[in-house]
Amino acid sequence: MPKTKDKKIFIEIGKRIKQRREEFNYTQGMLGELLDVDYRQIQKYESGNSKIAIDYLIKIAKILKVEISFFFLNNKTKSNIPSLPAYSISDETTIDESKYQILPVIAFVGAGKFIDLTEIEPIDKLLFPKEFTVNGSIIIVKVAGASMEPMIRKGAYIGVDKDDKQFTAGEIYAIYLPYEGAVIKRVYLDLDNIILKSENKNFPDMVIPTKKVDRENFIIGKVKWVLQKF
């Protein structure tokens, strides 16, 4: 049986397995046969009384013709930044290391040096498909503020590529500001200034004279994808 802290996760996953199974008019026995397990194991999955290894959840997703994210996200993405499946894990989770990678999650809190994000103490860990880890250059950040809502909501997880600092006007970056710390903004340039724009209209643009910017440390990395609920 899952630990108490994992119980809610597996109950929700179980509900969604049952929902999708019934849409296909599959019995628990039929789904069990396709997975090569007894129907009683399907009962345990659907009730949340048994952990589901990620490999099995992937098989269930294929059988029921959904993305794995169906089981734990409300997947109505409206952003032009890619969304992706992730999976909350415990120490006992079984994974296929050729396809998935466990990554720490950090938070942007207060002002401070965020140039080397790997030095920040992780607050969580999640499992991601390897194609989204970009050869180890991705840092997972949990967003604390609301300035990029509704595109990037407070509490969202974003993938910041710390090796991609090539500036493209209008793209979204993690930016370091000496007086504020790390922020997530759209970045634009004019002749004399850098303009940082929020998606939330309640937050004014930030205009920074180019001559005051530490160019080497200004861009922490480019935002590659977002994981969030809508």
C-alpha atoms as a PDB file:
ATOM      1  CA  MET A   1       0.000   0.000   0.000  1.00  0.00           C
ATOM      2  CA  PRO A   2       1.343   3.504  -0.823  1.00  0.00           C
ATOM      3  CA  LYS A   3       2.604   5.739   1.965  1.00  0.00           C
ATOM      4  CA  THR A   4       0.114   8.301   3.269  1.00  0.00           C
ATOM      5  CA  LYS A   5       1.828  11.167   1.430  1.00  0.00           C
ATOM      6  CA  ASP A   6       1.527   9.257  -1.880  1.00  0.00           C
ATOM      7  CA  LYS A   7      -2.017   8.000  -1.307  1.00  0.00           C
ATOM      8  CA  LYS A   8      -3.824  10.972  -2.850  1.00  0.00           C
ATOM      9  CA  ILE A   9      -1.688  10.759  -5.980  1.00  0.00           C
ATOM     10  CA  PHE A  10      -2.458   7.100  -6.567  1.00  0.00           C
ATOM     11  CA  ILE A  11      -6.172   7.508  -5.755  1.00  0.00           C
ATOM     12  CA  GLU A  12      -6.415  10.204  -8.440  1.00  0.00           C
ATOM     13  CA  ILE A  13      -4.482   8.085 -10.936  1.00  0.00           C
ATOM     14  CA  GLY A  14      -6.753   5.138 -10.146  1.00  0.00           C
ATOM     15  CA  LYS A  15      -9.891   7.209 -10.750  1.00  0.00           C
ATOM     16  CA  ARG A  16      -8.605   8.244 -14.165  1.00  0.00           C
ATOM     17  CA  ILE A  17      -7.647   4.692 -15.105  1.00  0.00           C
ATOM     18  CA  LYS A  18     -11.180   3.561 -14.232  1.00  0.00           C
ATOM     19  CA  GLN A  19     -12.738   6.488 -16.119  1.00  0.00           C
ATOM     20  CA  ARG A  20     -10.781   5.744 -19.279  1.00  0.00           C
ATOM     21  CA  ARG A  21     -11.219   1.957 -18.983  1.00  0.00           C
ATOM     22  CA  GLU A  22     -15.003   2.365 -18.799  1.00  0.00           C
ATOM     23  CA  GLU A  23     -14.958   4.685 -21.829  1.00  0.00           C
ATOM     24  CA  PHE A  24     -13.424   1.765 -23.732  1.00  0.00           C
ATOM     25  CA  ASN A  25     -16.007  -0.646 -22.250  1.00  0.00           C
ATOM     26  CA  TYR A  26     -13.180  -2.737 -20.841  1.00  0.00           C
ATOM     27  CA  THR A  27     -13.743  -4.810 -17.723  1.00  0.00           C
ATOM     28  CA  GLN A  28     -11.017  -4.970 -15.097  1.00  0.00           C
ATOM     29  CA  GLY A  29     -10.314  -8.473 -16.321  1.00  0.00           C
ATOM     30  CA  MET A  30      -9.902  -7.343 -19.931  1.00  0.00           C
ATOM     31  CA  LEU A  31      -7.461  -4.591 -18.949  1.00  0.00           C
ATOM     32  CA  GLY A  32      -5.638  -7.048 -16.709  1.00  0.00           C
ATOM     33  CA  GLU A  33      -5.183  -9.476 -19.596  1.00  0.00           C
ATOM     34  CA  LEU A  34      -3.703  -6.744 -21.770  1.00  0.00           C
ATOM     35  CA  LEU A  35      -1.258  -5.890 -18.973  1.00  0.00           C
ATOM     36  CA  ASP A  36      -0.632  -9.543 -18.109  1.00  0.00           C
ATOM     37  CA  VAL A  37      -1.828  -9.055 -14.519  1.00  0.00           C
ATOM     38  CA  ASP A  38      -4.787 -10.375 -12.533  1.00  0.00           C
ATOM     39  CA  TYR A  39      -8.009  -8.332 -12.440  1.00  0.00           C
ATOM     40  CA  ARG A  40      -7.508  -7.962  -8.694  1.00  0.00           C
ATOM     41  CA  GLN A  41      -4.358  -5.967  -9.399  1.00  0.00           C
ATOM     42  CA  ILE A  42      -6.408  -3.618 -11.571  1.00  0.00           C
ATOM     43  CA  GLN A  43      -8.818  -3.242  -8.650  1.00  0.00           C
ATOM     44  CA  LYS A  44      -5.902  -2.231  -6.423  1.00  0.00           C
ATOM     45  CA  TYR A  45      -4.666   0.287  -9.002  1.00  0.00           C
ATOM     46  CA  GLU A  46      -8.098   1.853  -9.431  1.00  0.00           C
ATOM     47  CA  SER A  47      -8.705   2.096  -5.684  1.00  0.00           C
ATOM     48  CA  GLY A  48      -5.291   3.658  -5.075  1.00  0.00           C
ATOM     49  CA  ASN A  49      -4.291   0.800  -2.798  1.00  0.00           C
ATOM     50  CA  SER A  50      -1.313  -0.222  -4.916  1.00  0.00           C
ATOM     51  CA  LYS A  51       1.542   1.810  -6.369  1.00  0.00           C
ATOM     52  CA  ILE A  52       1.864   1.760 -10.141  1.00  0.00           C
ATOM     53  CA  ALA A  53       5.377   1.531 -11.525  1.00  0.00           C
ATOM     54  CA  ILE A  54       5.951   4.093 -14.260  1.00  0.00           C
ATOM     55  CA  ASP A  55       6.476   1.304 -16.811  1.00  0.00           C
ATOM     56  CA  TYR A  56       2.982  -0.043 -16.117  1.00  0.00           C
ATOM     57  CA  LEU A  57       1.413   3.399 -16.243  1.00  0.00           C
ATOM     58  CA  ILE A  58       3.003   3.932 -19.656  1.00  0.00           C
ATOM     59  CA  LYS A  59       1.527   0.591 -20.827  1.00  0.00           C
ATOM     60  CA  ILE A  60      -1.906   1.563 -19.507  1.00  0.00           C
ATOM     61  CA  ALA A  61      -1.674   4.925 -21.298  1.00  0.00           C
ATOM     62  CA  LYS A  62      -0.859   3.163 -24.590  1.00  0.00           C
ATOM     63  CA  ILE A  63      -3.687   0.652 -24.188  1.00  0.00           C
ATOM     64  CA  LEU A  64      -6.205   3.373 -23.335  1.00  0.00           C
ATOM     65  CA  LYS A  65      -4.803   5.709 -26.008  1.00  0.00           C
ATOM     66  CA  VAL A  66      -3.939   8.710 -23.841  1.00  0.00           C
ATOM     67  CA  GLU A  67      -0.787  10.599 -22.943  1.00  0.00           C
ATOM     68  CA  ILE A  68       0.588   9.600 -19.553  1.00  0.00           C
ATOM     69  CA  SER A  69      -0.140  13.150 -18.348  1.00  0.00           C
ATOM     70  CA  PHE A  70      -3.873  12.281 -18.551  1.00  0.00           C
ATOM     71  CA  PHE A  71      -3.559  10.470 -15.243  1.00  0.00           C
ATOM     72  CA  PHE A  72      -2.311  13.388 -13.175  1.00  0.00           C
ATOM     73  CA  LEU A  73      -2.868  16.703 -15.003  1.00  0.00           C
ATOM     74  CA  ASN A  74      -5.778  18.714 -16.312  1.00  0.00           C
ATOM     75  CA  ASN A  75      -4.165  19.020 -19.720  1.00  0.00           C
ATOM     76  CA  LYS A  76      -5.817  22.072 -21.317  1.00  0.00           C
ATOM     77  CA  THR A  77      -2.634  23.848 -22.278  1.00  0.00           C
ATOM     78  CA  LYS A  78      -3.150  27.301 -23.801  1.00  0.00           C
ATOM     79  CA  SER A  79       0.475  28.356 -23.913  1.00  0.00           C
ATOM     80  CA  ASN A  80       2.753  28.359 -26.938  1.00  0.00           C
ATOM     81  CA  ILE A  81       5.434  26.895 -24.673  1.00  0.00           C
ATOM     82  CA  PRO A  82       5.350  23.087 -24.868  1.00  0.00           C
ATOM     83  CA  SER A  83       3.749  21.152 -22.026  1.00  0.00           C
ATOM     84  CA  LEU A  84       4.914  17.708 -21.063  1.00  0.00           C
ATOM     85  CA  PRO A  85       4.200  14.689 -18.888  1.00  0.00           C
ATOM     86  CA  ALA A  86       5.940  14.359 -15.550  1.00  0.00           C
ATOM     87  CA  TYR A  87       5.466  11.979 -12.662  1.00  0.00           C
ATOM     88  CA  SER A  88       5.814  12.544  -8.942  1.00  0.00           C
ATOM     89  CA  ILE A  89       8.067   9.847  -7.516  1.00  0.00           C
ATOM     90  CA  SER A  90       9.043   8.151  -4.308  1.00  0.00           C
ATOM     91  CA  ASP A  91      12.233   6.286  -3.541  1.00  0.00           C
ATOM     92  CA  GLU A  92      10.514   2.998  -4.471  1.00  0.00           C
ATOM     93  CA  THR A  93       9.381   4.097  -7.945  1.00  0.00           C
ATOM     94  CA  THR A  94      10.617   1.786 -10.700  1.00  0.00           C
ATOM     95  CA  ILE A  95      11.698   3.600 -13.863  1.00  0.00           C
ATOM     96  CA  ASP A  96      13.181   2.842 -17.243  1.00  0.00           C
ATOM     97  CA  GLU A  97      16.410   4.837 -17.034  1.00  0.00           C
ATOM     98  CA  SER A  98      16.888   4.664 -20.788  1.00  0.00           C
ATOM     99  CA  LYS A  99      13.743   6.780 -21.257  1.00  0.00           C
ATOM    100  CA  TYR A 100      13.287   8.758 -18.044  1.00  0.00           C
ATOM    101  CA  GLN A 101      15.364  10.829 -15.677  1.00  0.00           C
ATOM    102  CA  ILE A 102      14.792  12.024 -12.117  1.00  0.00           C
ATOM    103  CA  LEU A 103      15.392  15.763 -11.784  1.00  0.00           C
ATOM    104  CA  PRO A 104      15.421  17.996  -8.693  1.00  0.00           C
ATOM    105  CA  VAL A 105      13.035  20.943  -8.465  1.00  0.00           C
ATOM    106  CA  ILE A 106      14.174  24.316  -7.123  1.00  0.00           C
ATOM    107  CA  ALA A 107      12.289  27.496  -6.231  1.00  0.00           C
ATOM    108  CA  PHE A 108      13.014  31.129  -6.997  1.00  0.00           C
ATOM    109  CA  VAL A 109      12.729  32.799  -3.592  1.00  0.00           C
ATOM    110  CA  GLY A 110      13.841  36.319  -2.705  1.00  0.00           C
ATOM    111  CA  ALA A 111      16.819  38.139  -4.091  1.00  0.00           C
ATOM    112  CA  GLY A 112      20.156  36.431  -4.422  1.00  0.00           C
ATOM    113  CA  LYS A 113      22.629  34.900  -6.825  1.00  0.00           C
ATOM    114  CA  PHE A 114      20.950  32.439  -9.169  1.00  0.00           C
ATOM    115  CA  ILE A 115      23.638  32.187 -11.815  1.00  0.00           C
ATOM    116  CA  ASP A 116      24.525  28.606 -10.921  1.00  0.00           C
ATOM    117  CA  LEU A 117      21.072  27.161 -10.253  1.00  0.00           C
ATOM    118  CA  THR A 118      22.513  23.781  -9.310  1.00  0.00           C
ATOM    119  CA  GLU A 119      23.696  25.227  -5.974  1.00  0.00           C
ATOM    120  CA  ILE A 120      20.133  25.862  -4.753  1.00  0.00           C
ATOM    121  CA  GLU A 121      18.653  23.306  -2.350  1.00  0.00           C
ATOM    122  CA  PRO A 122      15.958  21.208  -4.127  1.00  0.00           C
ATOM    123  CA  ILE A 123      12.389  21.353  -2.810  1.00  0.00           C
ATOM    124  CA  ASP A 124      11.088  18.279  -4.676  1.00  0.00           C
ATOM    125  CA  LYS A 125      11.944  15.766  -7.386  1.00  0.00           C
ATOM    126  CA  LEU A 126      10.019  14.704 -10.492  1.00  0.00           C
ATOM    127  CA  LEU A 127      10.418  12.142 -13.246  1.00  0.00           C
ATOM    128  CA  PHE A 128      10.642  13.426 -16.828  1.00  0.00           C
ATOM    129  CA  PRO A 129      11.024  11.869 -20.290  1.00  0.00           C
ATOM    130  CA  LYS A 130      14.661  12.195 -21.316  1.00  0.00           C
ATOM    131  CA  GLU A 131      13.886  14.186 -24.445  1.00  0.00           C
ATOM    132  CA  PHE A 132      12.845  17.062 -22.167  1.00  0.00           C
ATOM    133  CA  THR A 133      16.035  17.037 -20.097  1.00  0.00           C
ATOM    134  CA  VAL A 134      18.128  18.403 -23.030  1.00  0.00           C
ATOM    135  CA  ASN A 135      21.308  16.444 -22.325  1.00  0.00           C
ATOM    136  CA  GLY A 136      21.429  17.458 -18.687  1.00  0.00           C
ATOM    137  CA  SER A 137      21.268  21.212 -19.256  1.00  0.00           C
ATOM    138  CA  ILE A 138      17.703  21.636 -17.949  1.00  0.00           C
ATOM    139  CA  ILE A 139      16.992  22.968 -14.460  1.00  0.00           C
ATOM    140  CA  ILE A 140      13.451  22.509 -13.108  1.00  0.00           C
ATOM    141  CA  VAL A 141      12.106  25.608 -11.361  1.00  0.00           C
ATOM    142  CA  LYS A 142       8.843  26.030  -9.440  1.00  0.00           C
ATOM    143  CA  VAL A 143       7.385  29.461 -10.148  1.00  0.00           C
ATOM    144  CA  ALA A 144       6.537  31.511  -7.051  1.00  0.00           C
ATOM    145  CA  GLY A 145       4.939  34.643  -8.535  1.00  0.00           C
ATOM    146  CA  ALA A 146       1.947  35.519 -10.718  1.00  0.00           C
ATOM    147  CA  SER A 147       3.563  37.955 -13.160  1.00  0.00           C
ATOM    148  CA  MET A 148       3.423  35.527 -16.100  1.00  0.00           C
ATOM    149  CA  GLU A 149      -0.174  34.406 -15.585  1.00  0.00           C
ATOM    150  CA  PRO A 150      -2.209  33.116 -17.324  1.00  0.00           C
ATOM    151  CA  MET A 151       0.507  31.641 -19.552  1.00  0.00           C
ATOM    152  CA  ILE A 152       2.700  30.463 -16.682  1.00  0.00           C
ATOM    153  CA  ARG A 153       0.760  30.130 -13.452  1.00  0.00           C
ATOM    154  CA  LYS A 154       1.962  30.457  -9.896  1.00  0.00           C
ATOM    155  CA  GLY A 155       3.112  27.016  -8.811  1.00  0.00           C
ATOM    156  CA  ALA A 156       3.978  25.876 -12.348  1.00  0.00           C
ATOM    157  CA  TYR A 157       7.127  23.908 -13.077  1.00  0.00           C
ATOM    158  CA  ILE A 158       9.294  25.285 -15.880  1.00  0.00           C
ATOM    159  CA  GLY A 159      12.284  23.816 -17.642  1.00  0.00           C
ATOM    160  CA  VAL A 160      15.101  26.373 -17.876  1.00  0.00           C
ATOM    161  CA  ASP A 161      17.960  25.491 -20.224  1.00  0.00           C
ATOM    162  CA  LYS A 162      20.957  27.009 -18.462  1.00  0.00           C
ATOM    163  CA  ASP A 163      23.130  26.345 -21.532  1.00  0.00           C
ATOM    164  CA  ASP A 164      20.853  28.316 -23.875  1.00  0.00           C
ATOM    165  CA  LYS A 165      21.572  32.017 -23.331  1.00  0.00           C
ATOM    166  CA  GLN A 166      21.322  33.011 -26.977  1.00  0.00           C
ATOM    167  CA  PHE A 167      19.012  36.042 -26.997  1.00  0.00           C
ATOM    168  CA  THR A 168      15.927  36.029 -29.224  1.00  0.00           C
ATOM    169  CA  ALA A 169      13.583  39.006 -28.869  1.00  0.00           C
ATOM    170  CA  GLY A 170      10.165  38.115 -27.484  1.00  0.00           C
ATOM    171  CA  GLU A 171      11.157  34.744 -26.023  1.00  0.00           C
ATOM    172  CA  ILE A 172      10.802  33.881 -22.331  1.00  0.00           C
ATOM    173  CA  TYR A 173      13.899  33.669 -20.148  1.00  0.00           C
ATOM    174  CA  ALA A 174      14.920  33.299 -16.533  1.00  0.00           C
ATOM    175  CA  ILE A 175      16.636  36.611 -15.809  1.00  0.00           C
ATOM    176  CA  TYR A 176      18.861  37.664 -12.904  1.00  0.00           C
ATOM    177  CA  LEU A 177      18.266  41.147 -11.477  1.00  0.00           C
ATOM    178  CA  PRO A 178      20.702  42.277  -8.743  1.00  0.00           C
ATOM    179  CA  TYR A 179      17.968  44.097  -6.813  1.00  0.00           C
ATOM    180  CA  GLU A 180      15.250  41.433  -7.176  1.00  0.00           C
ATOM    181  CA  GLY A 181      16.825  38.038  -7.808  1.00  0.00           C
ATOM    182  CA  ALA A 182      15.582  35.666 -10.492  1.00  0.00           C
ATOM    183  CA  VAL A 183      12.478  36.466 -12.537  1.00  0.00           C
ATOM    184  CA  ILE A 184      10.702  34.931 -15.520  1.00  0.00           C
ATOM    185  CA  LYS A 185       9.984  37.464 -18.286  1.00  0.00           C
ATOM    186  CA  ARG A 186       9.671  38.040 -22.018  1.00  0.00           C
ATOM    187  CA  VAL A 187      12.738  39.953 -23.133  1.00  0.00           C
ATOM    188  CA  TYR A 188      12.959  42.701 -25.753  1.00  0.00           C
ATOM    189  CA  LEU A 189      15.655  45.183 -26.778  1.00  0.00           C
ATOM    190  CA  ASP A 190      15.667  48.678 -28.166  1.00  0.00           C
ATOM    191  CA  LEU A 191      18.689  50.894 -28.875  1.00  0.00           C
ATOM    192  CA  ASP A 192      19.412  51.776 -25.252  1.00  0.00           C
ATOM    193  CA  ASN A 193      17.298  49.519 -23.050  1.00  0.00           C
ATOM    194  CA  ILE A 194      16.286  45.978 -22.232  1.00  0.00           C
ATOM    195  CA  ILE A 195      12.522  45.631 -21.718  1.00  0.00           C
ATOM    196  CA  LEU A 196      11.189  42.842 -19.525  1.00  0.00           C
ATOM    197  CA  LYS A 197       7.503  42.147 -20.077  1.00  0.00           C
ATOM    198  CA  SER A 198       5.034  40.189 -17.961  1.00  0.00           C
ATOM    199  CA  GLU A 199       2.006  38.324 -19.334  1.00  0.00           C
ATOM    200  CA  ASN A 200      -0.054  39.554 -16.376  1.00  0.00           C
ATOM    201  CA  LYS A 201      -1.211  43.072 -17.242  1.00  0.00           C
ATOM    202  CA  ASN A 202      -1.206  44.045 -13.564  1.00  0.00           C
ATOM    203  CA  PHE A 203       2.595  43.981 -13.642  1.00  0.00           C
ATOM    204  CA  PRO A 204       4.288  46.924 -15.396  1.00  0.00           C
ATOM    205  CA  ASP A 205       7.135  46.482 -17.850  1.00  0.00           C
ATOM    206  CA  MET A 206      10.657  46.705 -16.493  1.00  0.00           C
ATOM    207  CA  VAL A 207      12.955  48.972 -18.497  1.00  0.00           C
ATOM    208  CA  ILE A 208      16.664  48.552 -17.760  1.00  0.00           C
ATOM    209  CA  PRO A 209      19.362  50.661 -19.407  1.00  0.00           C
ATOM    210  CA  THR A 210      21.624  48.326 -21.365  1.00  0.00           C
ATOM    211  CA  LYS A 211      24.754  49.915 -19.877  1.00  0.00           C
ATOM    212  CA  LYS A 212      23.644  48.783 -16.385  1.00  0.00           C
ATOM    213  CA  VAL A 213      23.264  45.125 -17.338  1.00  0.00           C
ATOM    214  CA  ASP A 214      25.851  42.523 -16.416  1.00  0.00           C
ATOM    215  CA  ARG A 215      25.664  40.782 -19.789  1.00  0.00           C
ATOM    216  CA  GLU A 216      27.601  37.733 -18.651  1.00  0.00           C
ATOM    217  CA  ASN A 217      25.179  36.924 -15.837  1.00  0.00           C
ATOM    218  CA  PHE A 218      21.948  38.606 -16.976  1.00  0.00           C
ATOM    219  CA  ILE A 219      20.339  35.626 -18.727  1.00  0.00           C
ATOM    220  CA  ILE A 220      20.187  32.531 -16.519  1.00  0.00           C
ATOM    221  CA  GLY A 221      18.661  30.411 -19.261  1.00  0.00           C
ATOM    222  CA  LYS A 222      15.818  30.080 -21.739  1.00  0.00           C
ATOM    223  CA  VAL A 223      12.442  28.655 -20.718  1.00  0.00           C
ATOM    224  CA  LYS A 224      11.933  25.533 -22.845  1.00  0.00           C
ATOM    225  CA  TRP A 225       8.674  24.131 -21.490  1.00  0.00           C
ATOM    226  CA  VAL A 226       6.060  24.496 -18.749  1.00  0.00           C
ATOM    227  CA  LEU A 227       4.191  21.952 -16.641  1.00  0.00           C
ATOM    228  CA  GLN A 228       1.079  23.216 -14.886  1.00  0.00           C
ATOM    229  CA  LYS A 229      -2.611  22.746 -14.194  1.00  0.00           C
ATOM    230  CA  PHE A 230      -5.303  24.892 -15.797  1.00  0.00           C
END
